[in-house]
Amino acid sequence: MFSHDNLKKIRLEYGYSQTKIAKYIGVTRSAYSSWEVGTYQPNSKNLKKLAEFYNVDIDYFESDYEIVHKYLRLNELNRYKLMNYANELYSSQLTLYRVHAELSAGKGEWYDENSGYDTVYFDKNISHDIASWIKGDSMEPKYRDGDVALIKNTGFDFDGQVYAVVYRENTYIKKVYLESEKIRLVSINKKYDDILASIDEVRVVGLVVDSFRPMEK
């Protein structure tokens, strides 16, 4: 990815004005300025001219250039130390989630709030009451098999929102509609038929507020 910070940094190191660089490249000063603030990016032709002007590789203007360049200059021992430290930093910014292994979406499985859980990690801390594995493809493409659904304990407030519900001792994650004296459970994946049930047959576990694919720690 193009780094506008690297472009500005090297210009300031040399003490050049934006006008001088823009004239060499053959663009207006305002066009060049838009590259430095990140509004636009130079095309491959102009990137090549910038690299020629400063006598650097085109890769210099990539956002990860400095990290890669310094890593390659380290000896084997220091590369090992750096990777260990980077892994520690990466792990420290992940949030731990306890995911109930038996709360599922798809064809429906039994849900038990006191069941065991799996430990997974994600790089955002999202408020929730229950974390659940999503099993099956009935709510794809938004909620994929193997994702984690995050659920808030709520009543039924929003017609057409996605809820975790228990119906006939099976747990589903579905879009829920209130229709007179009936509850309609609707899949996003159109290959699945709707479920139409009486109100007293459906228990709302909570609103699905978000979902994510777990990250490696």
Protein backbone atom coordinates (compact mmCIF):
# COMPACT_ATOMS: atom_id res chain seq x y z
CA MET A 1 0.00 0.00 0.00
CA PHE A 2 1.29 3.47 -0.91
CA SER A 3 2.61 5.44 2.07
CA HIS A 4 2.01 9.19 1.80
CA ASP A 5 3.97 9.57 5.06
CA ASN A 6 7.11 8.12 3.44
CA LEU A 7 6.71 10.47 0.49
CA LYS A 8 6.49 13.53 2.75
CA LYS A 9 9.28 12.27 5.01
CA ILE A 10 11.86 11.92 2.25
CA ARG A 11 11.01 15.32 0.75
CA LEU A 12 11.49 17.03 4.12
CA GLU A 13 14.76 15.15 4.70
CA TYR A 14 16.11 16.63 1.47
CA GLY A 15 14.58 20.04 2.15
CA TYR A 16 12.77 20.27 -1.18
CA SER A 17 9.56 22.17 -1.79
CA GLN A 18 6.43 20.48 -3.14
CA THR A 19 6.65 22.79 -6.17
CA LYS A 20 10.14 21.53 -7.04
CA ILE A 21 9.10 17.87 -6.90
CA ALA A 22 5.86 18.50 -8.79
CA LYS A 23 7.76 20.27 -11.60
CA TYR A 24 10.18 17.32 -11.95
CA ILE A 25 7.36 14.78 -12.05
CA GLY A 26 5.31 16.90 -14.46
CA VAL A 27 2.20 17.43 -12.32
CA THR A 28 0.66 20.43 -10.59
CA ARG A 29 1.67 21.27 -7.04
CA SER A 30 -1.90 20.63 -5.85
CA ALA A 31 -1.81 17.17 -7.44
CA TYR A 32 1.49 16.39 -5.72
CA SER A 33 0.15 17.76 -2.42
CA SER A 34 -2.80 15.36 -2.63
CA TRP A 35 -0.32 12.45 -2.66
CA GLU A 36 1.34 13.67 0.56
CA VAL A 37 -1.94 14.04 2.44
CA GLY A 38 -3.20 10.69 1.17
CA THR A 39 -6.20 11.96 -0.80
CA TYR A 40 -4.87 10.43 -4.01
CA GLN A 41 -1.99 8.14 -5.00
CA PRO A 42 0.56 8.52 -7.79
CA ASN A 43 0.22 6.09 -10.68
CA SER A 44 3.01 3.62 -11.52
CA LYS A 45 4.63 6.06 -13.99
CA ASN A 46 4.84 8.84 -11.40
CA LEU A 47 6.01 6.43 -8.70
CA LYS A 48 8.88 5.46 -10.95
CA LYS A 49 9.80 9.13 -11.44
CA LEU A 50 9.74 9.72 -7.68
CA ALA A 51 12.03 6.75 -7.12
CA GLU A 52 14.42 8.00 -9.82
CA PHE A 53 14.45 11.52 -8.35
CA TYR A 54 15.39 10.31 -4.87
CA ASN A 55 17.49 7.36 -6.12
CA VAL A 56 15.50 4.82 -4.07
CA ASP A 57 13.62 1.64 -4.87
CA ILE A 58 9.95 2.05 -5.69
CA ASP A 59 9.31 -0.15 -2.63
CA TYR A 60 10.45 2.78 -0.48
CA PHE A 61 7.00 4.31 -0.96
CA GLU A 62 5.26 1.22 0.42
CA SER A 63 3.87 1.55 3.96
CA ASP A 64 5.83 -1.46 5.29
CA TYR A 65 9.15 -0.54 3.63
CA GLU A 66 10.93 0.68 6.75
CA ILE A 67 9.97 -2.39 8.82
CA VAL A 68 11.00 -4.88 6.11
CA HIS A 69 14.20 -2.97 5.29
CA LYS A 70 15.37 -2.94 8.91
CA TYR A 71 14.37 -6.57 9.49
CA LEU A 72 16.48 -7.71 6.54
CA ARG A 73 19.51 -5.93 7.99
CA LEU A 74 19.31 -7.86 11.28
CA ASN A 75 21.35 -10.97 11.97
CA GLU A 76 19.60 -14.28 12.60
CA LEU A 77 19.57 -13.93 16.40
CA ASN A 78 18.10 -10.43 16.34
CA ARG A 79 15.49 -11.47 13.77
CA TYR A 80 14.42 -14.20 16.19
CA LYS A 81 14.22 -11.69 19.07
CA LEU A 82 12.25 -9.23 16.95
CA MET A 83 9.72 -11.85 15.86
CA ASN A 84 9.21 -12.97 19.46
CA TYR A 85 8.63 -9.38 20.55
CA ALA A 86 6.28 -8.73 17.61
CA ASN A 87 4.28 -11.83 18.53
CA GLU A 88 4.01 -10.61 22.13
CA LEU A 89 2.77 -7.20 20.97
CA TYR A 90 0.29 -8.78 18.58
CA SER A 91 -1.07 -11.08 21.28
CA SER A 92 -1.42 -8.19 23.75
CA GLN A 93 -3.81 -6.32 21.44
CA LEU A 94 -6.18 -9.26 20.95
CA THR A 95 -9.38 -9.66 22.97
CA LEU A 96 -10.25 -13.04 24.46
CA TYR A 97 -13.74 -14.41 23.80
CA ARG A 98 -15.32 -17.44 25.45
CA VAL A 99 -17.45 -19.09 22.79
CA HIS A 100 -20.20 -21.54 23.71
CA ALA A 101 -19.59 -24.68 21.70
CA GLU A 102 -23.26 -25.70 21.62
CA LEU A 103 -25.04 -22.50 20.63
CA SER A 104 -25.37 -22.83 16.86
CA ALA A 105 -27.06 -21.46 13.80
CA GLY A 106 -28.10 -23.37 10.72
CA LYS A 107 -30.17 -26.53 11.08
CA GLY A 108 -30.57 -25.92 14.80
CA GLU A 109 -28.91 -27.47 17.84
CA TRP A 110 -29.64 -27.51 21.54
CA TYR A 111 -28.46 -24.47 23.47
CA ASP A 112 -27.28 -24.63 27.08
CA GLU A 113 -26.04 -21.46 28.79
CA ASN A 114 -24.06 -23.60 31.23
CA SER A 115 -22.29 -25.62 28.57
CA GLY A 116 -18.53 -25.56 28.11
CA TYR A 117 -16.83 -23.00 25.94
CA ASP A 118 -13.93 -22.55 23.54
CA THR A 119 -11.41 -19.73 23.89
CA VAL A 120 -10.77 -17.62 20.77
CA TYR A 121 -9.28 -14.21 20.01
CA PHE A 122 -10.17 -11.16 17.90
CA ASP A 123 -8.61 -7.72 17.48
CA LYS A 124 -11.70 -5.77 18.58
CA ASN A 125 -13.42 -5.65 21.97
CA ILE A 126 -17.14 -5.86 21.18
CA SER A 127 -19.75 -5.66 23.94
CA HIS A 128 -21.85 -8.83 24.19
CA ASP A 129 -23.43 -11.25 26.66
CA ILE A 130 -23.05 -14.55 24.78
CA ALA A 131 -20.55 -15.64 22.13
CA SER A 132 -21.60 -18.55 19.92
CA TRP A 133 -20.17 -20.59 17.09
CA ILE A 134 -22.15 -20.33 13.88
CA LYS A 135 -22.69 -23.74 12.33
CA GLY A 136 -24.27 -24.22 8.92
CA ASP A 137 -24.82 -21.94 5.95
CA SER A 138 -28.40 -20.77 6.47
CA MET A 139 -27.30 -17.22 7.31
CA GLU A 140 -24.59 -16.85 4.70
CA PRO A 141 -23.14 -14.74 3.25
CA LYS A 142 -23.35 -12.36 6.24
CA TYR A 143 -22.92 -15.00 8.97
CA ARG A 144 -20.58 -17.76 7.80
CA ASP A 145 -20.11 -21.28 9.05
CA GLY A 146 -17.24 -21.17 11.56
CA ASP A 147 -17.72 -17.51 12.50
CA VAL A 148 -18.52 -16.39 16.04
CA ALA A 149 -21.84 -14.62 16.69
CA LEU A 150 -21.98 -12.06 19.50
CA ILE A 151 -25.34 -11.85 21.23
CA LYS A 152 -26.88 -9.38 23.68
CA ASN A 153 -29.55 -10.56 26.09
CA THR A 154 -32.65 -8.67 24.97
CA GLY A 155 -36.30 -9.13 24.37
CA PHE A 156 -37.87 -8.98 20.93
CA ASP A 157 -37.72 -5.29 19.99
CA PHE A 158 -36.78 -4.99 16.33
CA ASP A 159 -38.88 -6.64 13.66
CA GLY A 160 -36.63 -8.21 11.02
CA GLN A 161 -33.42 -8.09 13.07
CA VAL A 162 -31.23 -11.18 13.54
CA TYR A 163 -31.74 -13.03 16.82
CA ALA A 164 -30.63 -16.23 18.49
CA VAL A 165 -33.85 -18.09 19.31
CA VAL A 166 -34.81 -21.46 20.72
CA TYR A 167 -37.58 -23.29 18.86
CA ARG A 168 -38.62 -26.83 19.82
CA GLU A 169 -35.43 -27.31 21.84
CA ASN A 170 -33.29 -26.33 18.88
CA THR A 171 -31.30 -23.09 18.67
CA TYR A 172 -31.30 -20.97 15.53
CA ILE A 173 -29.82 -17.67 14.44
CA LYS A 174 -32.44 -16.16 12.16
CA LYS A 175 -34.11 -12.97 11.08
CA VAL A 176 -37.23 -12.76 13.25
CA TYR A 177 -40.56 -11.25 12.21
CA LEU A 178 -43.68 -10.84 14.30
CA GLU A 179 -46.80 -11.61 12.24
CA SER A 180 -50.05 -11.28 14.18
CA GLU A 181 -50.00 -14.27 16.57
CA LYS A 182 -47.07 -15.97 14.79
CA ILE A 183 -43.28 -15.71 14.69
CA ARG A 184 -41.55 -16.13 11.33
CA LEU A 185 -37.89 -17.26 11.35
CA VAL A 186 -36.17 -16.33 8.09
CA SER A 187 -32.78 -17.43 6.73
CA ILE A 188 -30.60 -15.09 4.66
CA ASN A 189 -29.67 -18.05 2.46
CA LYS A 190 -32.74 -18.46 0.27
CA LYS A 191 -32.33 -22.22 -0.12
CA TYR A 192 -33.80 -22.59 3.38
CA ASP A 193 -37.56 -22.35 3.97
CA ASP A 194 -39.01 -20.02 6.58
CA ILE A 195 -40.14 -21.42 9.91
CA LEU A 196 -43.56 -20.23 11.04
CA ALA A 197 -44.32 -20.87 14.71
CA SER A 198 -46.69 -19.68 17.40
CA ILE A 199 -45.35 -17.04 19.79
CA ASP A 200 -45.24 -19.39 22.78
CA GLU A 201 -43.10 -21.89 20.82
CA VAL A 202 -40.19 -19.45 20.36
CA ARG A 203 -37.86 -18.15 23.07
CA VAL A 204 -35.64 -15.21 22.14
CA VAL A 205 -32.11 -15.68 23.51
CA GLY A 206 -30.85 -12.30 22.34
CA LEU A 207 -30.02 -9.93 19.53
CA VAL A 208 -27.04 -10.80 17.30
CA VAL A 209 -25.02 -7.58 17.45
CA ASP A 210 -21.92 -8.65 15.51
CA SER A 211 -19.88 -11.58 14.24
CA PHE A 212 -16.24 -12.29 13.44
CA ARG A 213 -13.81 -14.92 12.23
CA PRO A 214 -11.41 -15.82 15.10
CA MET A 215 -7.78 -14.79 14.73
CA GLU A 216 -4.70 -16.82 15.63
CA LYS A 217 -3.00 -15.72 18.85
